[in-house]
Amino acid sequence: MIKKLPRRFVREHAVRFHCKVQQLLNSDRPQIVFDLSKTRHMDLKGADVLLQCLREAVKCDGEVKLAGLTPLVSIVLELTRIGQLFETYESTTSAAKSFSSFLPNVGVTRLLASTQF
């Protein structure tokens, strides 16, 4: 699922966006790409909302990836160190293609069960 972020991802827009994607984040194994290619302004609340979205998706065994980061967004994410927590891609297409097509826990469980230590 690809979700476009607004041009201004500041407090009021970020909170509204978070409310809109809440159900998606809490679904089973959400795989979401946030398209930031049109986002020209982001404040700390916007960065915090991205982090909240990641936390919620991970709780449901999912992933959130970022695509199309503009220079300003890259700087905000770098300064807050939140950017280190996300996989980032130049395009939404490459981000969407990067998701695994298998269930991650099933493969790991089988591998660990068959491995002798």
Protein backbone atom coordinates (compact mmCIF):
# COMPACT_ATOMS: atom_id res chain seq x y z
CA MET A 1 0.00 0.00 0.00
CA ILE A 2 1.37 3.40 -0.97
CA LYS A 3 0.25 6.50 0.94
CA LYS A 4 1.19 10.01 -0.16
CA LEU A 5 2.13 12.44 2.56
CA PRO A 6 0.90 16.04 2.33
CA ARG A 7 3.03 18.90 1.04
CA ARG A 8 3.29 20.28 4.59
CA PHE A 9 3.76 17.47 7.10
CA VAL A 10 3.55 19.60 10.22
CA ARG A 11 1.66 19.18 13.50
CA GLU A 12 -1.96 19.48 12.34
CA HIS A 13 -1.41 17.70 9.01
CA ALA A 14 0.67 14.96 10.61
CA VAL A 15 -1.94 14.20 13.28
CA ARG A 16 -4.70 14.11 10.65
CA PHE A 17 -2.60 11.81 8.44
CA HIS A 18 -1.93 9.48 11.37
CA CYS A 19 -5.65 9.19 12.06
CA LYS A 20 -6.31 8.35 8.40
CA VAL A 21 -3.73 5.52 8.28
CA GLN A 22 -4.45 4.12 11.75
CA GLN A 23 -6.64 1.25 10.54
CA LEU A 24 -4.11 0.33 7.85
CA LEU A 25 -1.26 0.29 10.37
CA ASN A 26 -3.15 -2.01 12.69
CA SER A 27 -4.03 -4.56 10.01
CA ASP A 28 -2.31 -7.95 9.88
CA ARG A 29 1.28 -7.58 8.60
CA PRO A 30 0.92 -4.15 7.01
CA GLN A 31 3.34 -3.33 4.21
CA ILE A 32 3.21 0.41 3.67
CA VAL A 33 5.26 2.84 1.62
CA PHE A 34 5.03 6.51 2.55
CA ASP A 35 5.57 8.67 -0.53
CA LEU A 36 7.29 11.88 0.55
CA SER A 37 8.10 13.13 -2.95
CA LYS A 38 5.70 16.09 -2.64
CA THR A 39 6.49 16.89 1.00
CA ARG A 40 8.28 20.23 1.16
CA HIS A 41 8.07 20.95 4.88
CA MET A 42 8.24 18.65 7.91
CA ASP A 43 8.52 19.59 11.56
CA LEU A 44 9.43 17.44 14.56
CA LYS A 45 5.82 16.36 15.03
CA GLY A 46 5.80 15.09 11.45
CA ALA A 47 8.95 13.06 12.11
CA ASP A 48 7.43 11.77 15.34
CA VAL A 49 4.27 10.65 13.52
CA LEU A 50 6.41 8.68 11.06
CA LEU A 51 8.06 6.97 14.02
CA GLN A 52 4.67 6.23 15.61
CA CYS A 53 3.48 4.69 12.34
CA LEU A 54 6.55 2.47 12.21
CA ARG A 55 6.04 1.32 15.80
CA GLU A 56 2.41 0.46 15.16
CA ALA A 57 3.18 -1.46 11.97
CA VAL A 58 5.98 -3.44 13.65
CA LYS A 59 3.61 -4.41 16.49
CA CYS A 60 1.44 -6.06 13.80
CA ASP A 61 4.49 -7.76 12.23
CA GLY A 62 4.55 -5.22 9.40
CA GLU A 63 6.87 -2.73 7.77
CA VAL A 64 6.87 0.93 6.78
CA LYS A 65 9.26 2.18 4.12
CA LEU A 66 9.90 5.70 2.88
CA ALA A 67 10.22 6.79 -0.73
CA GLY A 68 11.02 9.98 -2.61
CA LEU A 69 12.56 11.91 0.26
CA THR A 70 12.99 15.59 -0.56
CA PRO A 71 16.16 17.35 0.66
CA LEU A 72 14.39 19.06 3.58
CA VAL A 73 12.74 15.83 4.73
CA SER A 74 16.08 14.04 4.53
CA ILE A 75 17.67 16.70 6.74
CA VAL A 76 14.89 16.52 9.35
CA LEU A 77 15.08 12.71 9.47
CA GLU A 78 18.88 12.83 9.68
CA LEU A 79 18.95 15.43 12.48
CA THR A 80 16.38 13.53 14.53
CA ARG A 81 18.08 10.20 13.71
CA ILE A 82 14.67 8.80 12.91
CA GLY A 83 15.80 8.21 9.34
CA GLN A 84 18.12 5.42 10.54
CA LEU A 85 15.08 3.35 11.50
CA PHE A 86 13.54 3.31 8.03
CA GLU A 87 14.47 1.73 4.74
CA THR A 88 14.42 4.54 2.17
CA TYR A 89 14.07 4.35 -1.60
CA GLU A 90 14.21 6.80 -4.48
CA SER A 91 10.84 5.72 -5.83
CA THR A 92 7.64 4.18 -4.54
CA THR A 93 8.00 1.42 -7.13
CA SER A 94 11.36 0.26 -5.81
CA ALA A 95 10.10 0.51 -2.22
CA ALA A 96 7.01 -1.56 -2.98
CA LYS A 97 9.05 -4.19 -4.83
CA SER A 98 11.37 -4.55 -1.84
CA PHE A 99 8.71 -6.15 0.37
CA SER A 100 9.11 -9.87 0.88
CA SER A 101 6.51 -12.01 -0.79
CA PHE A 102 6.68 -14.63 1.95
CA LEU A 103 5.65 -14.55 5.59
CA PRO A 104 8.86 -13.63 7.46
CA ASN A 105 8.28 -15.59 10.65
CA VAL A 106 7.37 -18.85 8.91
CA GLY A 107 10.66 -19.06 7.02
CA VAL A 108 12.75 -18.13 10.05
CA THR A 109 10.95 -20.62 12.28
CA ARG A 110 11.47 -23.45 9.79
CA LEU A 111 15.11 -22.52 9.31
CA LEU A 112 15.77 -22.43 13.07
CA ALA A 113 13.94 -25.72 13.59
CA SER A 114 16.08 -27.46 10.99
CA THR A 115 19.39 -25.96 12.12
CA GLN A 116 21.50 -27.77 14.70
CA PHE A 117 23.59 -25.64 17.03
